[in-house]
Amino acid sequence: MLKFIKHNMETIDGVSIYPIISFLIFFTIFMLAIVYVIRKDRKSVEEISLLPLNDNAKPHEKTE
Protein backbone atom coordinates (compact mmCIF):
# COMPACT_ATOMS: atom_id res chain seq x y z
CA MET A 1 0.00 0.00 0.00
CA LEU A 2 2.89 2.36 0.70
CA LYS A 3 4.08 2.01 -2.90
CA PHE A 4 0.62 3.03 -4.09
CA ILE A 5 0.65 6.19 -1.96
CA LYS A 6 4.26 6.98 -2.81
CA HIS A 7 3.59 6.64 -6.54
CA ASN A 8 0.57 8.96 -6.36
CA MET A 9 2.47 11.54 -4.33
CA GLU A 10 5.38 11.55 -6.79
CA THR A 11 3.06 12.37 -9.67
CA ILE A 12 1.72 15.55 -8.01
CA ASP A 13 3.52 18.70 -9.11
CA GLY A 14 4.96 20.75 -6.24
CA VAL A 15 4.34 18.11 -3.57
CA SER A 16 7.73 18.82 -2.00
CA ILE A 17 6.42 22.10 -0.56
CA TYR A 18 4.00 20.36 1.84
CA PRO A 19 6.65 19.08 4.29
CA ILE A 20 8.22 22.54 4.38
CA ILE A 21 4.88 24.22 5.08
CA SER A 22 3.97 21.72 7.80
CA PHE A 23 7.37 22.18 9.46
CA LEU A 24 7.00 25.97 9.40
CA ILE A 25 3.51 25.76 10.95
CA PHE A 26 4.76 23.40 13.68
CA PHE A 27 7.84 25.52 14.38
CA THR A 28 5.79 28.73 14.56
CA ILE A 29 3.27 27.26 17.01
CA PHE A 30 6.08 25.77 19.10
CA MET A 31 7.94 29.10 19.28
CA LEU A 32 4.74 30.97 20.18
CA ALA A 33 4.14 28.51 23.01
CA ILE A 34 7.71 29.02 24.28
CA VAL A 35 7.31 32.82 24.18
CA TYR A 36 3.96 32.57 25.99
CA VAL A 37 5.47 30.45 28.77
CA ILE A 38 8.49 32.71 29.19
CA ARG A 39 6.39 35.90 29.31
CA LYS A 40 3.80 34.44 31.70
CA ASP A 41 3.63 36.25 35.05
CA ARG A 42 5.22 34.30 37.91
CA LYS A 43 2.35 35.14 40.28
CA SER A 44 -0.29 33.66 37.99
CA VAL A 45 1.80 30.52 37.44
CA GLU A 46 2.18 30.11 41.18
CA GLU A 47 -1.54 30.61 41.72
CA ILE A 48 -2.43 28.04 39.08
CA SER A 49 0.06 25.52 40.48
CA LEU A 50 -1.56 25.74 43.92
CA LEU A 51 -5.12 25.20 42.66
CA PRO A 52 -5.20 21.43 43.26
CA LEU A 53 -4.03 21.98 46.85
CA ASN A 54 -6.45 24.79 47.69
CA ASP A 55 -8.92 23.62 50.38
CA ASN A 56 -11.09 26.74 50.14
CA ALA A 57 -12.17 26.02 46.58
CA LYS A 58 -15.73 24.88 46.03
CA PRO A 59 -16.21 21.59 44.22
CA HIS A 60 -17.60 21.86 40.73
CA GLU A 61 -21.33 21.39 40.49
CA LYS A 62 -23.01 19.73 37.56
CA THR A 63 -25.67 21.81 35.85
CA GLU A 64 -27.49 19.15 33.91
PDB file of N, CA and C in Angstrom:
ATOM      1  N   MET A   1       0.827  -1.194   0.000  1.00  0.00           N
ATOM      2  CA  MET A   1       0.000   0.000   0.000  1.00  0.00           C
ATOM      3  C   MET A   1       0.873   1.261   0.000  1.00  0.00           C
ATOM      4  N   LEU A   2       2.011   1.198   0.651  1.00  0.00           N
ATOM      5  CA  LEU A   2       2.890   2.359   0.697  1.00  0.00           C
ATOM      6  C   LEU A   2       3.390   2.725  -0.698  1.00  0.00           C
ATOM      7  N   LYS A   3       3.641   1.722  -1.528  1.00  0.00           N
ATOM      8  CA  LYS A   3       4.085   2.006  -2.899  1.00  0.00           C
ATOM      9  C   LYS A   3       2.999   2.741  -3.675  1.00  0.00           C
ATOM     10  N   PHE A   4       1.748   2.376  -3.420  1.00  0.00           N
ATOM     11  CA  PHE A   4       0.622   3.030  -4.092  1.00  0.00           C
ATOM     12  C   PHE A   4       0.551   4.506  -3.710  1.00  0.00           C
ATOM     13  N   ILE A   5       0.692   4.800  -2.426  1.00  0.00           N
ATOM     14  CA  ILE A   5       0.648   6.189  -1.957  1.00  0.00           C
ATOM     15  C   ILE A   5       1.868   6.954  -2.465  1.00  0.00           C
ATOM     16  N   LYS A   6       3.030   6.322  -2.377  1.00  0.00           N
ATOM     17  CA  LYS A   6       4.261   6.981  -2.808  1.00  0.00           C
ATOM     18  C   LYS A   6       4.201   7.321  -4.294  1.00  0.00           C
ATOM     19  N   HIS A   7       3.698   6.408  -5.100  1.00  0.00           N
ATOM     20  CA  HIS A   7       3.593   6.644  -6.538  1.00  0.00           C
ATOM     21  C   HIS A   7       2.650   7.818  -6.827  1.00  0.00           C
ATOM     22  N   ASN A   8       1.518   7.860  -6.132  1.00  0.00           N
ATOM     23  CA  ASN A   8       0.575   8.962  -6.356  1.00  0.00           C
ATOM     24  C   ASN A   8       1.153  10.299  -5.903  1.00  0.00           C
ATOM     25  N   MET A   9       1.884  10.295  -4.822  1.00  0.00           N
ATOM     26  CA  MET A   9       2.466  11.543  -4.329  1.00  0.00           C
ATOM     27  C   MET A   9       3.573  12.048  -5.261  1.00  0.00           C
ATOM     28  N   GLU A  10       4.303  11.135  -5.883  1.00  0.00           N
ATOM     29  CA  GLU A  10       5.375  11.548  -6.788  1.00  0.00           C
ATOM     30  C   GLU A  10       4.834  12.176  -8.068  1.00  0.00           C
ATOM     31  N   THR A  11       3.622  11.833  -8.436  1.00  0.00           N
ATOM     32  CA  THR A  11       3.056  12.365  -9.672  1.00  0.00           C
ATOM     33  C   THR A  11       2.447  13.754  -9.501  1.00  0.00           C
ATOM     34  N   ILE A  12       2.301  14.232  -8.260  1.00  0.00           N
ATOM     35  CA  ILE A  12       1.724  15.553  -8.011  1.00  0.00           C
ATOM     36  C   ILE A  12       2.824  16.607  -8.158  1.00  0.00           C
ATOM     37  N   ASP A  13       2.549  17.621  -8.932  1.00  0.00           N
ATOM     38  CA  ASP A  13       3.525  18.702  -9.107  1.00  0.00           C
ATOM     39  C   ASP A  13       3.582  19.556  -7.841  1.00  0.00           C
ATOM     40  N   GLY A  14       4.778  19.877  -7.385  1.00  0.00           N
ATOM     41  CA  GLY A  14       4.957  20.750  -6.238  1.00  0.00           C
ATOM     42  C   GLY A  14       4.648  20.107  -4.902  1.00  0.00           C
ATOM     43  N   VAL A  15       4.670  18.782  -4.824  1.00  0.00           N
ATOM     44  CA  VAL A  15       4.337  18.108  -3.575  1.00  0.00           C
ATOM     45  C   VAL A  15       5.440  18.289  -2.529  1.00  0.00           C
ATOM     46  N   SER A  16       6.622  18.669  -2.947  1.00  0.00           N
ATOM     47  CA  SER A  16       7.730  18.819  -2.004  1.00  0.00           C
ATOM     48  C   SER A  16       7.556  20.025  -1.096  1.00  0.00           C
ATOM     49  N   ILE A  17       6.630  20.915  -1.395  1.00  0.00           N
ATOM     50  CA  ILE A  17       6.424  22.104  -0.562  1.00  0.00           C
ATOM     51  C   ILE A  17       5.636  21.765   0.709  1.00  0.00           C
ATOM     52  N   TYR A  18       4.843  20.692   0.697  1.00  0.00           N
ATOM     53  CA  TYR A  18       4.000  20.362   1.844  1.00  0.00           C
ATOM     54  C   TYR A  18       4.790  20.045   3.125  1.00  0.00           C
ATOM     55  N   PRO A  19       5.880  19.281   3.050  1.00  0.00           N
ATOM     56  CA  PRO A  19       6.654  19.083   4.285  1.00  0.00           C
ATOM     57  C   PRO A  19       7.255  20.374   4.831  1.00  0.00           C
ATOM     58  N   ILE A  20       7.643  21.263   3.951  1.00  0.00           N
ATOM     59  CA  ILE A  20       8.219  22.542   4.383  1.00  0.00           C
ATOM     60  C   ILE A  20       7.158  23.388   5.070  1.00  0.00           C
ATOM     61  N   ILE A  21       5.970  23.448   4.484  1.00  0.00           N
ATOM     62  CA  ILE A  21       4.877  24.223   5.079  1.00  0.00           C
ATOM     63  C   ILE A  21       4.478  23.650   6.432  1.00  0.00           C
ATOM     64  N   SER A  22       4.367  22.323   6.525  1.00  0.00           N
ATOM     65  CA  SER A  22       3.971  21.719   7.799  1.00  0.00           C
ATOM     66  C   SER A  22       5.034  21.946   8.871  1.00  0.00           C
ATOM     67  N   PHE A  23       6.313  21.895   8.495  1.00  0.00           N
ATOM     68  CA  PHE A  23       7.371  22.183   9.456  1.00  0.00           C
ATOM     69  C   PHE A  23       7.307  23.632   9.937  1.00  0.00           C
ATOM     70  N   LEU A  24       7.076  24.560   9.018  1.00  0.00           N
ATOM     71  CA  LEU A  24       6.996  25.973   9.401  1.00  0.00           C
ATOM     72  C   LEU A  24       5.801  26.234  10.327  1.00  0.00           C
ATOM     73  N   ILE A  25       4.680  25.601  10.069  1.00  0.00           N
ATOM     74  CA  ILE A  25       3.513  25.755  10.954  1.00  0.00           C
ATOM     75  C   ILE A  25       3.824  25.202  12.329  1.00  0.00           C
ATOM     76  N   PHE A  26       4.400  23.998  12.394  1.00  0.00           N
ATOM     77  CA  PHE A  26       4.760  23.399  13.683  1.00  0.00           C
ATOM     78  C   PHE A  26       5.757  24.273  14.428  1.00  0.00           C
ATOM     79  N   PHE A  27       6.797  24.720  13.743  1.00  0.00           N
ATOM     80  CA  PHE A  27       7.839  25.520  14.379  1.00  0.00           C
ATOM     81  C   PHE A  27       7.276  26.841  14.902  1.00  0.00           C
ATOM     82  N   THR A  28       6.393  27.472  14.139  1.00  0.00           N
ATOM     83  CA  THR A  28       5.789  28.735  14.562  1.00  0.00           C
ATOM     84  C   THR A  28       4.942  28.546  15.813  1.00  0.00           C
ATOM     85  N   ILE A  29       4.109  27.520  15.834  1.00  0.00           N
ATOM     86  CA  ILE A  29       3.267  27.262  17.010  1.00  0.00           C
ATOM     87  C   ILE A  29       4.131  26.925  18.220  1.00  0.00           C
ATOM     88  N   PHE A  30       5.182  26.129  18.011  1.00  0.00           N
ATOM     89  CA  PHE A  30       6.079  25.770  19.104  1.00  0.00           C
ATOM     90  C   PHE A  30       6.776  27.008  19.669  1.00  0.00           C
ATOM     91  N   MET A  31       7.253  27.887  18.809  1.00  0.00           N
ATOM     92  CA  MET A  31       7.939  29.096  19.282  1.00  0.00           C
ATOM     93  C   MET A  31       6.973  30.038  19.993  1.00  0.00           C
ATOM     94  N   LEU A  32       5.745  30.144  19.501  1.00  0.00           N
ATOM     95  CA  LEU A  32       4.744  30.973  20.182  1.00  0.00           C
ATOM     96  C   LEU A  32       4.431  30.427  21.574  1.00  0.00           C
ATOM     97  N   ALA A  33       4.376  29.115  21.701  1.00  0.00           N
ATOM     98  CA  ALA A  33       4.144  28.508  23.009  1.00  0.00           C
ATOM     99  C   ALA A  33       5.310  28.794  23.955  1.00  0.00           C
ATOM    100  N   ILE A  34       6.524  28.714  23.457  1.00  0.00           N
ATOM    101  CA  ILE A  34       7.709  29.015  24.278  1.00  0.00           C
ATOM    102  C   ILE A  34       7.675  30.469  24.739  1.00  0.00           C
ATOM    103  N   VAL A  35       7.373  31.392  23.832  1.00  0.00           N
ATOM    104  CA  VAL A  35       7.315  32.818  24.181  1.00  0.00           C
ATOM    105  C   VAL A  35       6.214  33.061  25.207  1.00  0.00           C
ATOM    106  N   TYR A  36       5.064  32.412  25.046  1.00  0.00           N
ATOM    107  CA  TYR A  36       3.962  32.568  25.988  1.00  0.00           C
ATOM    108  C   TYR A  36       4.364  32.096  27.389  1.00  0.00           C
ATOM    109  N   VAL A  37       5.046  30.977  27.471  1.00  0.00           N
ATOM    110  CA  VAL A  37       5.465  30.446  28.775  1.00  0.00           C
ATOM    111  C   VAL A  37       6.513  31.348  29.411  1.00  0.00           C
ATOM    112  N   ILE A  38       7.438  31.859  28.638  1.00  0.00           N
ATOM    113  CA  ILE A  38       8.489  32.712  29.189  1.00  0.00           C
ATOM    114  C   ILE A  38       7.913  34.043  29.677  1.00  0.00           C
ATOM    115  N   ARG A  39       6.951  34.593  28.955  1.00  0.00           N
ATOM    116  CA  ARG A  39       6.390  35.901  29.311  1.00  0.00           C
ATOM    117  C   ARG A  39       5.293  35.829  30.369  1.00  0.00           C
ATOM    118  N   LYS A  40       4.874  34.613  30.729  1.00  0.00           N
ATOM    119  CA  LYS A  40       3.804  34.440  31.704  1.00  0.00           C
ATOM    120  C   LYS A  40       4.251  34.973  33.061  1.00  0.00           C
ATOM    121  N   ASP A  41       3.344  35.665  33.745  1.00  0.00           N
ATOM    122  CA  ASP A  41       3.628  36.252  35.047  1.00  0.00           C
ATOM    123  C   ASP A  41       3.843  35.155  36.095  1.00  0.00           C
ATOM    124  N   ARG A  42       4.888  35.297  36.893  1.00  0.00           N
ATOM    125  CA  ARG A  42       5.219  34.296  37.913  1.00  0.00           C
ATOM    126  C   ARG A  42       4.084  34.119  38.928  1.00  0.00           C
ATOM    127  N   LYS A  43       3.425  35.209  39.279  1.00  0.00           N
ATOM    128  CA  LYS A  43       2.353  35.138  40.276  1.00  0.00           C
ATOM    129  C   LYS A  43       1.192  34.280  39.770  1.00  0.00           C
ATOM    130  N   SER A  44       0.816  34.454  38.522  1.00  0.00           N
ATOM    131  CA  SER A  44      -0.291  33.661  37.986  1.00  0.00           C
ATOM    132  C   SER A  44       0.089  32.189  37.851  1.00  0.00           C
ATOM    133  N   VAL A  45       1.343  31.905  37.518  1.00  0.00           N
ATOM    134  CA  VAL A  45       1.801  30.519  37.436  1.00  0.00           C
ATOM    135  C   VAL A  45       1.769  29.878  38.814  1.00  0.00           C
ATOM    136  N   GLU A  46       2.194  30.625  39.819  1.00  0.00           N
ATOM    137  CA  GLU A  46       2.184  30.108  41.181  1.00  0.00           C
ATOM    138  C   GLU A  46       0.759  29.852  41.659  1.00  0.00           C
ATOM    139  N   GLU A  47      -0.142  30.759  41.339  1.00  0.00           N
ATOM    140  CA  GLU A  47      -1.543  30.613  41.722  1.00  0.00           C
ATOM    141  C   GLU A  47      -2.175  29.386  41.065  1.00  0.00           C
ATOM    142  N   ILE A  48      -1.889  29.189  39.800  1.00  0.00           N
ATOM    143  CA  ILE A  48      -2.427  28.037  39.082  1.00  0.00           C
ATOM    144  C   ILE A  48      -1.835  26.734  39.622  1.00  0.00           C
ATOM    145  N   SER A  49      -0.570  26.746  39.984  1.00  0.00           N
ATOM    146  CA  SER A  49       0.064  25.522  40.483  1.00  0.00           C
ATOM    147  C   SER A  49      -0.480  25.106  41.841  1.00  0.00           C
ATOM    148  N   LEU A  50      -1.015  26.064  42.601  1.00  0.00           N
ATOM    149  CA  LEU A  50      -1.556  25.736  43.919  1.00  0.00           C
ATOM    150  C   LEU A  50      -3.041  25.382  43.887  1.00  0.00           C
ATOM    151  N   LEU A  51      -3.690  25.486  42.752  1.00  0.00           N
ATOM    152  CA  LEU A  51      -5.117  25.201  42.663  1.00  0.00           C
ATOM    153  C   LEU A  51      -5.506  23.805  43.148  1.00  0.00           C
ATOM    154  N   PRO A  52      -4.792  22.749  42.782  1.00  0.00           N
ATOM    155  CA  PRO A  52      -5.199  21.426  43.256  1.00  0.00           C
ATOM    156  C   PRO A  52      -5.077  21.267  44.775  1.00  0.00           C
ATOM    157  N   LEU A  53      -4.267  22.091  45.410  1.00  0.00           N
ATOM    158  CA  LEU A  53      -4.033  21.976  46.845  1.00  0.00           C
ATOM    159  C   LEU A  53      -4.892  22.931  47.668  1.00  0.00           C
ATOM    160  N   ASN A  54      -5.654  23.784  47.015  1.00  0.00           N
ATOM    161  CA  ASN A  54      -6.448  24.791  47.694  1.00  0.00           C
ATOM    162  C   ASN A  54      -7.683  24.146  48.327  1.00  0.00           C
ATOM    163  N   ASP A  55      -7.794  24.217  49.671  1.00  0.00           N
ATOM    164  CA  ASP A  55      -8.923  23.620  50.382  1.00  0.00           C
ATOM    165  C   ASP A  55     -10.146  24.529  50.380  1.00  0.00           C
ATOM    166  N   ASN A  56      -9.974  25.797  50.101  1.00  0.00           N
ATOM    167  CA  ASN A  56     -11.086  26.737  50.135  1.00  0.00           C
ATOM    168  C   ASN A  56     -11.923  26.727  48.861  1.00  0.00           C
ATOM    169  N   ALA A  57     -11.458  26.044  47.853  1.00  0.00           N
ATOM    170  CA  ALA A  57     -12.171  26.023  46.578  1.00  0.00           C
ATOM    171  C   ALA A  57     -13.427  25.176  46.693  1.00  0.00           C
ATOM    172  N   LYS A  58     -14.492  25.638  46.043  1.00  0.00           N
ATOM    173  CA  LYS A  58     -15.734  24.884  46.032  1.00  0.00           C
ATOM    174  C   LYS A  58     -15.654  23.798  44.967  1.00  0.00           C
ATOM    175  N   PRO A  59     -16.209  22.635  45.260  1.00  0.00           N
ATOM    176  CA  PRO A  59     -16.211  21.587  44.224  1.00  0.00           C
ATOM    177  C   PRO A  59     -17.125  21.990  43.075  1.00  0.00           C
ATOM    178  N   HIS A  60     -16.808  21.535  41.900  1.00  0.00           N
ATOM    179  CA  HIS A  60     -17.599  21.860  40.729  1.00  0.00           C
ATOM    180  C   HIS A  60     -18.954  21.182  40.813  1.00  0.00           C
ATOM    181  N   GLU A  61     -19.979  21.929  40.467  1.00  0.00           N
ATOM    182  CA  GLU A  61     -21.330  21.388  40.489  1.00  0.00           C
ATOM    183  C   GLU A  61     -21.791  21.148  39.067  1.00  0.00           C
ATOM    184  N   LYS A  62     -22.475  20.037  38.874  1.00  0.00           N
ATOM    185  CA  LYS A  62     -23.007  19.734  37.556  1.00  0.00           C
ATOM    186  C   LYS A  62     -24.290  20.526  37.360  1.00  0.00           C
ATOM    187  N   THR A  63     -24.460  21.036  36.164  1.00  0.00           N
ATOM    188  CA  THR A  63     -25.667  21.814  35.852  1.00  0.00           C
ATOM    189  C   THR A  63     -26.446  21.130  34.738  1.00  0.00           C
ATOM    190  N   GLU A  64     -26.756  19.877  34.944  1.00  0.00           N
ATOM    191  CA  GLU A  64     -27.491  19.148  33.912  1.00  0.00           C
ATOM    192  C   GLU A  64     -28.950  19.164  34.178  1.00  0.00           C
TER     193      GLU A  64
END
